[in-house]
């Protein structure tokens, strides 16, 4: 008999029955390695939309899109009913409404979502202290015995987390359980919504082989197109290629592709991750090709970034400019500073020079400024070297 857990009453079942003898539920999770795996990824189902439906029951059976209405907005989240018609996160709102004209559009309420996220985080902490939030609606959990010490199985804790979130918070989550982060995240996406999927050690390469390479973290649109050109469509196609060939073609990412194709990946869960960047951005009401308008737009952004750096006691070593064209092509340009800075004027001058190279008549709908290569504020702005660039 395979280890089996009822997701509704949290009973471990010792038969091969298809329903739980205790509560009659058919929501069972069953697998040979169920009690051995301990790295999990928990992902809220259509988080913002689910919170809005919870708070307004009249929306429950309607297609719902969370985002800013109007031609300039983009979809933040679409509920599963709306997704059947095509809308997806980050899609232009006008396109989403063409696909699903009957959708109800609700503006995002970030303060409310943050509060719900904190409730969910507290439930995670009841199971383990080792949690790595990825965003407001997803996190990795280390449920190994040494982090818990209570004798209960990781699967039991995950089922309880799911039940608590549905009961106490009023939304649902999907769970992935495996032996590393890559596979746990992959598993959480397999049976959405309200899923609980397991990816084991045994037979992992055979399991991965038919999956599209786009399932791999880090394979975005550009990399996927490059892979299509190389006739790499599935993870099995990756498995068939020599490591040296992948490294030659894809650089350092080629090494990661080899690991992912084999089911390898990091187990390490980092409870609190340091910020990697600080940024601000703005979408124009109308596309603009004016260098002056673009520069005027970034000036207050540089002030905002400088304030955030000061508040966080950090400095930025690289200035980053993000620009999105009228046809939604995203450009990212960066400049390494001679010295880390917290100063808005230095950020502005560096960003201005980057924009000047791109403002060649193209129209832009969005611009953003940020800093990367963060370091302690004590390393910022030597008094005798202000403003230098490498």
Protein backbone atom coordinates (compact mmCIF):
# COMPACT_ATOMS: atom_id res chain seq x y z
CA UNK A 1 0.00 0.00 0.00
CA UNK A 2 1.19 3.47 -0.84
CA UNK A 3 1.32 6.17 1.83
CA UNK A 4 -1.94 8.12 1.56
CA UNK A 5 -3.27 11.24 3.27
CA UNK A 6 -6.77 12.67 3.24
CA UNK A 7 -6.47 16.37 2.45
CA UNK A 8 -9.76 17.20 4.16
CA UNK A 9 -9.55 15.48 7.56
CA UNK A 10 -5.75 14.97 7.63
CA UNK A 11 -6.08 11.25 8.29
CA UNK A 12 -3.35 8.87 7.15
CA UNK A 13 -5.05 6.03 5.31
CA UNK A 14 -3.79 2.45 5.41
CA UNK A 15 -5.88 1.03 2.56
CA UNK A 16 -6.01 1.46 -1.19
CA UNK A 17 -9.55 2.86 -1.00
CA UNK A 18 -10.43 5.76 -3.26
CA UNK A 19 -12.27 7.64 -0.50
CA UNK A 20 -11.40 8.39 3.11
CA UNK A 21 -13.11 6.04 5.54
CA UNK A 22 -13.14 8.78 8.20
CA UNK A 23 -14.79 11.65 6.31
CA UNK A 24 -15.75 10.18 2.90
CA UNK A 25 -13.61 12.65 0.96
CA UNK A 26 -12.05 11.66 -2.34
CA UNK A 27 -9.39 14.38 -2.03
CA UNK A 28 -6.55 12.01 -1.29
CA UNK A 29 -2.87 12.42 -2.00
CA UNK A 30 -1.08 9.10 -2.49
CA UNK A 31 2.51 8.37 -3.40
CA UNK A 32 5.33 5.96 -2.54
CA UNK A 33 7.62 8.84 -1.48
CA UNK A 34 4.91 10.94 0.18
CA UNK A 35 6.44 10.67 3.65
CA UNK A 36 10.03 11.20 2.48
CA UNK A 37 9.83 14.47 0.52
CA UNK A 38 10.13 17.73 2.46
CA UNK A 39 10.66 20.74 0.17
CA UNK A 40 7.42 22.50 -0.74
CA UNK A 41 6.17 25.37 -2.86
CA UNK A 42 2.83 26.87 -1.89
CA UNK A 43 1.14 29.14 -4.44
CA UNK A 44 -2.15 31.00 -3.97
CA UNK A 45 -4.67 30.40 -6.76
CA UNK A 46 -5.32 33.62 -8.74
CA UNK A 47 -4.48 35.48 -5.55
CA UNK A 48 -5.81 39.00 -6.11
CA UNK A 49 -8.90 37.77 -7.94
CA UNK A 50 -9.60 35.19 -5.23
CA UNK A 51 -9.44 37.85 -2.52
CA UNK A 52 -11.84 40.08 -4.46
CA UNK A 53 -14.30 37.21 -4.97
CA UNK A 54 -14.08 36.37 -1.29
CA UNK A 55 -15.01 39.93 -0.38
CA UNK A 56 -17.78 40.23 -2.97
CA UNK A 57 -19.72 36.95 -3.34
CA UNK A 58 -21.65 38.37 -6.30
CA UNK A 59 -18.43 37.96 -8.32
CA UNK A 60 -18.03 34.28 -7.52
CA UNK A 61 -19.32 32.87 -10.81
CA UNK A 62 -18.25 35.75 -13.04
CA UNK A 63 -15.09 36.24 -15.08
CA UNK A 64 -12.99 38.68 -13.06
CA UNK A 65 -9.92 40.66 -14.02
CA UNK A 66 -7.90 42.62 -11.49
CA UNK A 67 -6.09 45.55 -13.08
CA UNK A 68 -6.40 49.15 -14.08
CA UNK A 69 -9.15 49.60 -16.67
CA UNK A 70 -8.53 51.54 -19.83
CA UNK A 71 -6.30 51.20 -22.84
CA UNK A 72 -3.05 51.81 -20.94
CA UNK A 73 -3.55 49.25 -18.20
CA UNK A 74 -2.40 45.67 -17.94
CA UNK A 75 -3.92 42.61 -16.31
CA UNK A 76 -2.62 42.01 -12.80
CA UNK A 77 -4.56 38.78 -12.26
CA UNK A 78 -7.36 36.99 -14.06
CA UNK A 79 -9.57 34.48 -12.29
CA UNK A 80 -9.82 30.95 -13.67
CA UNK A 81 -13.19 31.62 -15.30
CA UNK A 82 -11.70 34.56 -17.22
CA UNK A 83 -8.60 32.55 -18.14
CA UNK A 84 -10.72 30.15 -20.14
CA UNK A 85 -11.21 32.99 -22.62
CA UNK A 86 -7.51 33.86 -22.83
CA UNK A 87 -6.69 36.74 -20.42
CA UNK A 88 -3.41 36.31 -18.54
CA UNK A 89 -1.30 38.32 -16.12
CA UNK A 90 0.72 41.16 -17.72
CA UNK A 91 -1.49 41.14 -20.83
CA UNK A 92 -2.61 44.58 -22.07
CA UNK A 93 -6.06 45.29 -20.68
CA UNK A 94 -7.54 46.16 -24.07
CA UNK A 95 -6.49 42.76 -25.41
CA UNK A 96 -7.89 40.93 -22.38
CA UNK A 97 -11.23 42.71 -22.77
CA UNK A 98 -11.35 41.79 -26.45
CA UNK A 99 -10.97 38.15 -25.43
CA UNK A 100 -13.40 38.34 -22.52
CA UNK A 101 -15.74 41.34 -22.99
CA UNK A 102 -18.04 40.20 -20.18
CA UNK A 103 -15.30 40.29 -17.57
CA UNK A 104 -15.73 42.43 -14.46
CA UNK A 105 -12.67 44.64 -13.91
CA UNK A 106 -11.63 45.54 -10.37
CA UNK A 107 -8.77 47.88 -9.51
CA UNK A 108 -6.07 46.25 -7.34
CA UNK A 109 -6.07 46.95 -3.61
CA UNK A 110 -2.48 46.28 -2.64
CA UNK A 111 -2.93 47.14 1.04
CA UNK A 112 -5.64 44.51 1.35
CA UNK A 113 -3.60 41.90 -0.49
CA UNK A 114 -0.60 42.57 1.73
CA UNK A 115 -2.75 42.03 4.83
CA UNK A 116 -4.02 38.71 3.46
CA UNK A 117 -0.45 37.71 2.60
CA UNK A 118 0.60 38.32 6.20
CA UNK A 119 -2.22 36.09 7.43
CA UNK A 120 -1.04 33.31 5.15
CA UNK A 121 2.57 33.79 6.21
CA UNK A 122 1.53 33.34 9.85
CA UNK A 123 -0.07 30.00 8.96
CA UNK A 124 3.15 28.90 7.25
CA UNK A 125 5.08 29.72 10.42
CA UNK A 126 2.90 27.32 12.39
CA UNK A 127 4.43 24.52 10.30
CA UNK A 128 8.06 25.61 9.93
CA UNK A 129 10.32 28.56 10.69
CA UNK A 130 12.19 28.08 7.40
CA UNK A 131 10.12 29.99 4.82
CA UNK A 132 11.31 31.84 1.72
CA UNK A 133 8.66 34.18 0.35
CA UNK A 134 8.86 34.66 -3.42
CA UNK A 135 6.09 37.25 -3.57
CA UNK A 136 2.91 38.06 -1.65
CA UNK A 137 1.20 34.92 -2.96
CA UNK A 138 3.87 32.21 -3.02
CA UNK A 139 6.66 30.80 -0.88
CA UNK A 140 9.04 27.88 -0.46
CA UNK A 141 8.89 25.89 2.78
CA UNK A 142 11.51 23.59 4.28
CA UNK A 143 9.56 20.90 6.15
CA UNK A 144 12.49 18.61 6.97
CA UNK A 145 12.41 16.87 10.36
CA UNK A 146 15.15 19.07 11.83
CA UNK A 147 13.10 22.22 11.18
CA UNK A 148 9.96 20.84 12.82
CA UNK A 149 10.72 18.17 15.38
CA UNK A 150 7.08 17.21 15.92
CA UNK A 151 6.98 13.76 14.31
CA UNK A 152 4.29 14.74 11.82
CA UNK A 153 4.88 14.32 8.09
CA UNK A 154 5.53 17.22 5.68
CA UNK A 155 2.46 16.16 3.67
CA UNK A 156 0.30 16.41 6.81
CA UNK A 157 1.54 19.94 7.51
CA UNK A 158 0.92 20.99 3.92
CA UNK A 159 -2.62 19.60 3.92
CA UNK A 160 -3.27 21.45 7.17
CA UNK A 161 -1.86 24.67 5.71
CA UNK A 162 -4.18 24.34 2.72
CA UNK A 163 -7.20 23.66 4.92
CA UNK A 164 -6.37 26.53 7.31
CA UNK A 165 -5.99 29.02 4.46
CA UNK A 166 -9.33 27.99 2.95
CA UNK A 167 -11.09 28.08 6.33
CA UNK A 168 -9.48 31.11 7.97
CA UNK A 169 -8.46 33.26 5.01
CA UNK A 170 -11.13 32.27 2.49
CA UNK A 171 -9.01 31.53 -0.56
CA UNK A 172 -7.32 28.42 -1.94
CA UNK A 173 -3.72 27.40 -2.62
CA UNK A 174 -1.95 24.81 -4.73
CA UNK A 175 0.91 22.79 -3.29
CA UNK A 176 3.98 21.18 -4.80
CA UNK A 177 6.03 18.68 -2.78
CA UNK A 178 9.39 17.32 -3.87
CA UNK A 179 13.07 17.11 -2.88
CA UNK A 180 14.28 20.44 -4.31
CA UNK A 181 12.98 23.91 -5.10
CA UNK A 182 12.80 23.53 -8.88
CA UNK A 183 10.63 20.44 -8.72
CA UNK A 184 8.47 21.74 -5.86
CA UNK A 185 7.59 24.85 -7.87
CA UNK A 186 6.97 22.76 -10.98
CA UNK A 187 4.67 20.47 -8.99
CA UNK A 188 2.57 23.31 -7.55
CA UNK A 189 1.55 24.32 -11.08
CA UNK A 190 0.45 20.86 -12.23
CA UNK A 191 -3.09 20.67 -10.82
CA UNK A 192 -4.27 24.24 -10.23
CA UNK A 193 -6.49 25.28 -8.56
CA UNK A 194 -6.54 23.52 -5.15
CA UNK A 195 -3.85 21.11 -6.30
CA UNK A 196 -1.47 18.94 -4.29
CA UNK A 197 1.13 17.37 -6.56
CA UNK A 198 4.17 15.25 -5.77
CA UNK A 199 7.31 14.85 -7.88
CA UNK A 200 9.49 12.01 -6.51
CA UNK A 201 13.14 11.09 -6.92
CA UNK A 202 12.43 7.77 -8.60
CA UNK A 203 11.69 8.13 -12.29
CA UNK A 204 12.10 11.92 -12.25
CA UNK A 205 13.85 12.13 -15.62
CA UNK A 206 11.11 10.10 -17.27
CA UNK A 207 8.51 12.35 -15.63
CA UNK A 208 10.23 15.51 -16.84
CA UNK A 209 11.00 14.34 -20.39
CA UNK A 210 7.63 15.17 -22.06
CA UNK A 211 7.20 18.55 -20.34
CA UNK A 212 7.84 21.72 -22.40
CA UNK A 213 11.09 23.56 -21.70
CA UNK A 214 9.01 26.64 -20.84
CA UNK A 215 8.21 24.92 -17.55
CA UNK A 216 11.80 25.55 -16.46
CA UNK A 217 12.44 28.60 -14.28
CA UNK A 218 14.43 31.15 -16.25
CA UNK A 219 13.21 30.07 -19.68
CA UNK A 220 11.43 33.22 -20.75
CA UNK A 221 10.13 34.27 -24.11
CA UNK A 222 13.54 35.09 -25.62
CA UNK A 223 15.21 31.88 -24.43
CA UNK A 224 12.23 29.80 -25.53
CA UNK A 225 12.45 31.24 -29.04
CA UNK A 226 16.16 30.47 -29.14
CA UNK A 227 15.42 26.91 -28.04
CA UNK A 228 12.70 26.55 -30.65
CA UNK A 229 15.24 27.51 -33.28
CA UNK A 230 17.55 24.82 -31.86
CA UNK A 231 14.66 22.31 -32.00
CA UNK A 232 14.63 22.01 -28.19
CA UNK A 233 10.94 21.80 -27.34
CA UNK A 234 10.71 19.41 -24.39
CA UNK A 235 12.87 18.74 -21.37
CA UNK A 236 13.54 15.36 -22.97
CA UNK A 237 15.21 17.20 -25.85
CA UNK A 238 17.53 18.79 -23.29
CA UNK A 239 18.28 15.44 -21.70
CA UNK A 240 19.46 14.12 -25.07
CA UNK A 241 22.05 16.86 -25.61
CA UNK A 242 25.66 16.84 -24.33
CA UNK A 243 26.36 19.24 -21.49
CA UNK A 244 29.23 20.87 -23.42
CA UNK A 245 26.87 21.72 -26.28
CA UNK A 246 24.36 23.39 -23.97
CA UNK A 247 27.05 25.39 -22.19
CA UNK A 248 28.53 26.52 -25.50
CA UNK A 249 25.13 27.61 -26.78
CA UNK A 250 23.57 29.04 -23.59
CA UNK A 251 26.56 29.98 -21.43
CA UNK A 252 26.21 29.65 -17.65
CA UNK A 253 22.50 29.06 -18.02
CA UNK A 254 23.42 25.92 -19.97
CA UNK A 255 24.79 24.40 -16.76
CA UNK A 256 21.49 25.09 -15.02
CA UNK A 257 19.55 23.60 -17.92
CA UNK A 258 21.54 20.39 -17.54
CA UNK A 259 20.72 20.26 -13.82
CA UNK A 260 17.03 20.95 -14.34
CA UNK A 261 16.76 18.34 -17.09
CA UNK A 262 18.12 15.76 -14.64
CA UNK A 263 15.80 16.87 -11.85
CA UNK A 264 18.66 18.40 -9.88
CA UNK A 265 18.37 21.72 -8.12
CA UNK A 266 19.01 23.55 -4.88
CA UNK A 267 17.30 22.42 -1.68
CA UNK A 268 18.36 25.54 0.15
CA UNK A 269 15.49 27.68 1.46
CA UNK A 270 16.56 31.18 2.48
CA UNK A 271 14.17 32.51 5.15
CA UNK A 272 14.81 36.20 4.45
CA UNK A 273 16.20 37.27 1.11
CA UNK A 274 17.99 40.57 0.71
CA UNK A 275 16.66 42.97 -1.87
CA UNK A 276 18.43 42.66 -5.22
CA UNK A 277 17.19 45.94 -6.66
CA UNK A 278 15.12 49.04 -5.93
CA UNK A 279 13.14 50.74 -8.69
CA UNK A 280 10.24 52.95 -9.71
CA UNK A 281 8.37 53.15 -13.02
CA UNK A 282 5.52 54.93 -14.76
CA UNK A 283 3.18 54.19 -17.68
CA UNK A 284 2.38 57.19 -19.86
CA UNK A 285 -1.19 58.05 -20.78
CA UNK A 286 0.02 58.39 -24.35
CA UNK A 287 3.12 56.90 -25.98
CA UNK A 288 5.94 59.43 -26.25
CA UNK A 289 9.09 59.62 -28.34
CA UNK A 290 10.25 62.90 -26.74
CA UNK A 291 13.65 62.70 -25.03
CA UNK A 292 12.68 65.69 -22.89
CA UNK A 293 9.42 64.09 -21.73
CA UNK A 294 11.23 60.84 -20.90
CA UNK A 295 13.82 62.73 -18.84
CA UNK A 296 11.16 64.75 -17.04
CA UNK A 297 9.40 61.50 -16.16
CA UNK A 298 12.45 59.90 -14.55
CA UNK A 299 13.41 62.86 -12.36
CA UNK A 300 10.83 62.14 -9.61
CA UNK A 301 11.56 58.41 -9.97
CA UNK A 302 15.21 59.03 -9.16
CA UNK A 303 14.11 60.94 -6.05
CA UNK A 304 11.88 58.03 -5.05
CA UNK A 305 14.65 55.47 -5.53
CA UNK A 306 17.08 57.65 -3.57
CA UNK A 307 14.61 57.90 -0.65
CA UNK A 308 14.09 54.13 -0.64
CA UNK A 309 17.83 53.55 -0.61
CA UNK A 310 18.25 55.93 2.31
CA UNK A 311 15.38 54.33 4.23
CA UNK A 312 16.81 50.84 3.64
CA UNK A 313 20.37 51.97 4.49
CA UNK A 314 21.52 50.73 1.09
CA UNK A 315 23.31 52.13 -1.94
CA UNK A 316 23.16 51.16 -5.61
CA UNK A 317 26.20 50.25 -7.68
CA UNK A 318 24.44 50.01 -11.05
CA UNK A 319 21.77 52.26 -12.56
CA UNK A 320 19.10 50.40 -14.54
CA UNK A 321 16.65 51.93 -17.02
CA UNK A 322 13.60 49.99 -18.21
CA UNK A 323 11.70 51.18 -21.30
CA UNK A 324 8.69 49.57 -22.96
CA UNK A 325 7.85 50.49 -26.54
CA UNK A 326 4.38 51.09 -27.93
CA UNK A 327 4.37 47.52 -29.28
CA UNK A 328 5.27 46.16 -25.80
CA UNK A 329 8.92 45.38 -26.45
CA UNK A 330 10.82 45.77 -23.18
CA UNK A 331 14.33 47.24 -23.21
CA UNK A 332 16.60 47.11 -20.15
CA UNK A 333 19.81 49.12 -20.11
CA UNK A 334 22.29 49.53 -17.24
CA UNK A 335 25.40 51.46 -16.32
CA UNK A 336 27.92 50.52 -13.64
CA UNK A 337 28.80 53.44 -11.37
CA UNK A 338 32.36 54.14 -10.30
CA UNK A 339 31.07 54.19 -6.71
CA UNK A 340 27.76 53.09 -5.15
CA UNK A 341 25.35 55.96 -4.57
CA UNK A 342 22.23 57.10 -2.76
CA UNK A 343 22.10 60.41 -4.64
CA UNK A 344 19.17 61.20 -6.92
CA UNK A 345 21.22 63.54 -9.11
CA UNK A 346 23.78 60.85 -9.90
CA UNK A 347 21.01 58.38 -10.68
CA UNK A 348 19.36 60.94 -12.94
CA UNK A 349 22.49 61.81 -14.93
CA UNK A 350 23.32 58.14 -15.51
CA UNK A 351 19.75 57.27 -16.48
CA UNK A 352 19.55 60.27 -18.80
CA UNK A 353 22.61 59.09 -20.72
CA UNK A 354 21.09 55.61 -21.11
CA UNK A 355 17.79 57.05 -22.35
CA UNK A 356 19.56 59.28 -24.86
CA UNK A 357 20.93 56.23 -26.64
CA UNK A 358 17.45 54.70 -26.99
CA UNK A 359 15.35 57.80 -27.75
CA UNK A 360 15.84 57.50 -31.52
CA UNK A 361 12.30 58.27 -32.64
CA UNK A 362 10.65 55.18 -31.16
CA UNK A 363 7.55 55.77 -29.06
CA UNK A 364 7.56 54.50 -25.47
CA UNK A 365 4.60 53.67 -23.26
CA UNK A 366 6.52 53.01 -20.02
CA UNK A 367 9.77 54.06 -18.41
CA UNK A 368 11.37 53.03 -15.15
CA UNK A 369 14.59 53.69 -13.22
CA UNK A 370 16.21 51.51 -10.62
CA UNK A 371 19.46 50.41 -9.03
CA UNK A 372 21.06 47.01 -8.73
CA UNK A 373 24.25 45.68 -7.11
CA UNK A 374 23.03 46.88 -3.72
CA UNK A 375 25.48 47.33 -0.86
CA UNK A 376 25.54 48.96 2.61
CA UNK A 377 25.03 52.72 2.64
CA UNK A 378 28.42 53.14 4.32
CA UNK A 379 30.03 52.37 0.96
CA UNK A 380 28.15 55.14 -0.85
CA UNK A 381 29.28 58.44 -2.31
CA UNK A 382 32.91 59.06 -1.26
CA UNK A 383 33.12 62.82 -0.78
CA UNK A 384 36.03 63.23 -3.21
CA UNK A 385 34.60 61.08 -5.97
CA UNK A 386 30.99 62.26 -6.43
CA UNK A 387 29.47 61.56 -9.77
CA UNK A 388 32.19 59.47 -11.38
CA UNK A 389 31.25 56.79 -13.87
CA UNK A 390 33.23 53.81 -15.09
